[in-house]
Amino acid sequence: MSDQYFAREPESESRPAACSFDYRGRTLRFTTDAGVFSRGELDAGTRLLLDALPETLSGAILDLGCGWGPIGISVKAAWPETDVTMADVNLRALAWSRKNAEANGVRTECVESDGFAALEGRIFDAVITNPPIRAGKQVIYGMFADAAAHLKPGGRLYLVIRKQQGAESCIRYLKTLYASVEKLDRSGGFWVIRAEKAPE
C-alpha cells in the first residue's frame, strides 16, 4: 500500500464514494474517499466495535483515528448528550468527518492530531478506536498508553483488533496499563476489547 490511510496528506486522487448503515434505530449516511480507511463501506471491525458499545455512554468521548467519522458520528447520534471529539492525522479524513457530521445533523469537534499530540491536557470519559494496525505495534501501543493518561479515573478504552494481528499480546499489554481488561465480543477474526482505568 503506497498511500497509507494514516498519512497526513494522502497522495491518491480523491474518489468520493457514498455509504450508509443503520445504528441503534437510525440510518446514517456518509461520504468516504480514497486515501481514507475503508472507502465505500463500514468495515467489519468497526461494525463489531459499535455494536459492542454499552447501552449508555455519557460525558466526553474521543474517537481516536476517526477516519471519515463512523464511530464518532454514530456515538453522537445514539447518545446526543455526549461531547464527541473526533481526531485524525489524515486531513482528507477530517474534512469528510466534518461534512459527514453536518450531513447527519450532529455536532462534533474535529481535531487534527497525530495520536494525542494536539490533545494535551484533555481528559475523556471514554476513548473509542479502531487503531491503525499497519502503523505498527510501537505506534498503536503508544496510543493505548496515551489513552490511559487522558482518561478520567474509571474511564474506558474501547478498541477492536484482529486476533491474527496480535489481539492476545495486546490484551497482555493493556493489563500493564489498566485496572481491568475484558474481551467484549469476537466475530470474523476480530476482538472487541474494553480496558478500564482504576477509579480514584
Foldseek 3Di string as FASTA:
>chain_A
DVQALQALEGPDDWDWEKDWDDDPHDIAIFIATPSFPPHHYDDPQVVVLRVLDDPDDAEEEEEEQQFLHPPQLSNCVNHVRYAYEYEGSHPVRLVNVVVRSVVRVHDYHYYYDQQCRVVPPAATQEYEYADPLVVDPVSVLVSLQVNLVRYAAFGKYKYKDFVVSPPVVVQVSLVVRAVDKDFRDDDPRMTIMMGTHHHD
